[in-house]
Amino acid sequence: MQAALIAAQEAAGATLPFPAPVFGIGAFVGLAALLLITSAFRHAGSKH
């Protein structure tokens, strides 16, 4: 059963809702935003 599913997926090919580079750019932008948010609170513990 599992081999039949794998064979069907390989025959159909990968269908993505967006082109592959869009996922990479989105991941890069998201991680860069998290980095900026994290760096904004870098010295928050030593203010007092």
C-alpha atoms as a PDB file:
ATOM      1  CA  MET A   1       0.000   0.000   0.000  1.00  0.00           C
ATOM      2  CA  GLN A   2       2.731   2.446   0.953  1.00  0.00           C
ATOM      3  CA  ALA A   3       4.765   1.637  -2.161  1.00  0.00           C
ATOM      4  CA  ALA A   4       1.729   2.411  -4.308  1.00  0.00           C
ATOM      5  CA  LEU A   5       1.317   5.806  -2.639  1.00  0.00           C
ATOM      6  CA  ILE A   6       4.979   6.660  -3.128  1.00  0.00           C
ATOM      7  CA  ALA A   7       4.817   5.631  -6.777  1.00  0.00           C
ATOM      8  CA  ALA A   8       1.697   7.752  -7.296  1.00  0.00           C
ATOM      9  CA  GLN A   9       3.349  10.799  -5.716  1.00  0.00           C
ATOM     10  CA  GLU A  10       6.450  10.412  -7.860  1.00  0.00           C
ATOM     11  CA  ALA A  11       4.341  10.113 -10.991  1.00  0.00           C
ATOM     12  CA  ALA A  12       2.271  13.180 -10.115  1.00  0.00           C
ATOM     13  CA  GLY A  13       5.278  15.347  -9.257  1.00  0.00           C
ATOM     14  CA  ALA A  14       5.422  17.994  -6.579  1.00  0.00           C
ATOM     15  CA  THR A  15       2.770  20.656  -7.011  1.00  0.00           C
ATOM     16  CA  LEU A  16       3.477  23.688  -4.862  1.00  0.00           C
ATOM     17  CA  PRO A  17       1.073  26.616  -4.463  1.00  0.00           C
ATOM     18  CA  PHE A  18       3.975  29.028  -5.102  1.00  0.00           C
ATOM     19  CA  PRO A  19       7.266  28.683  -6.955  1.00  0.00           C
ATOM     20  CA  ALA A  20      10.036  27.174  -4.823  1.00  0.00           C
ATOM     21  CA  PRO A  21      12.116  30.384  -4.492  1.00  0.00           C
ATOM     22  CA  VAL A  22       9.135  32.135  -2.883  1.00  0.00           C
ATOM     23  CA  PHE A  23       9.288  29.668   0.023  1.00  0.00           C
ATOM     24  CA  GLY A  24      13.001  30.364   0.471  1.00  0.00           C
ATOM     25  CA  ILE A  25      12.549  34.126   0.356  1.00  0.00           C
ATOM     26  CA  GLY A  26       9.641  33.894   2.809  1.00  0.00           C
ATOM     27  CA  ALA A  27      11.682  31.793   5.208  1.00  0.00           C
ATOM     28  CA  PHE A  28      14.612  34.210   4.978  1.00  0.00           C
ATOM     29  CA  VAL A  29      12.407  37.242   5.643  1.00  0.00           C
ATOM     30  CA  GLY A  30      10.651  35.508   8.529  1.00  0.00           C
ATOM     31  CA  LEU A  31      13.882  34.450  10.197  1.00  0.00           C
ATOM     32  CA  ALA A  32      15.428  37.885   9.661  1.00  0.00           C
ATOM     33  CA  ALA A  33      12.392  39.439  11.369  1.00  0.00           C
ATOM     34  CA  LEU A  34      12.772  37.067  14.311  1.00  0.00           C
ATOM     35  CA  LEU A  35      16.458  37.979  14.521  1.00  0.00           C
ATOM     36  CA  LEU A  36      15.633  41.685  14.645  1.00  0.00           C
ATOM     37  CA  ILE A  37      12.984  41.151  17.320  1.00  0.00           C
ATOM     38  CA  THR A  38      15.402  39.072  19.381  1.00  0.00           C
ATOM     39  CA  SER A  39      18.210  41.616  19.061  1.00  0.00           C
ATOM     40  CA  ALA A  40      15.849  44.411  20.139  1.00  0.00           C
ATOM     41  CA  PHE A  41      15.565  42.752  23.575  1.00  0.00           C
ATOM     42  CA  ARG A  42      19.251  41.876  23.872  1.00  0.00           C
ATOM     43  CA  HIS A  43      19.974  44.220  26.819  1.00  0.00           C
ATOM     44  CA  ALA A  44      16.538  44.106  28.461  1.00  0.00           C
ATOM     45  CA  GLY A  45      17.774  42.068  31.436  1.00  0.00           C
ATOM     46  CA  SER A  46      20.603  44.424  32.377  1.00  0.00           C
ATOM     47  CA  LYS A  47      18.622  47.695  32.517  1.00  0.00           C
ATOM     48  CA  HIS A  48      18.041  47.535  36.261  1.00  0.00           C
END
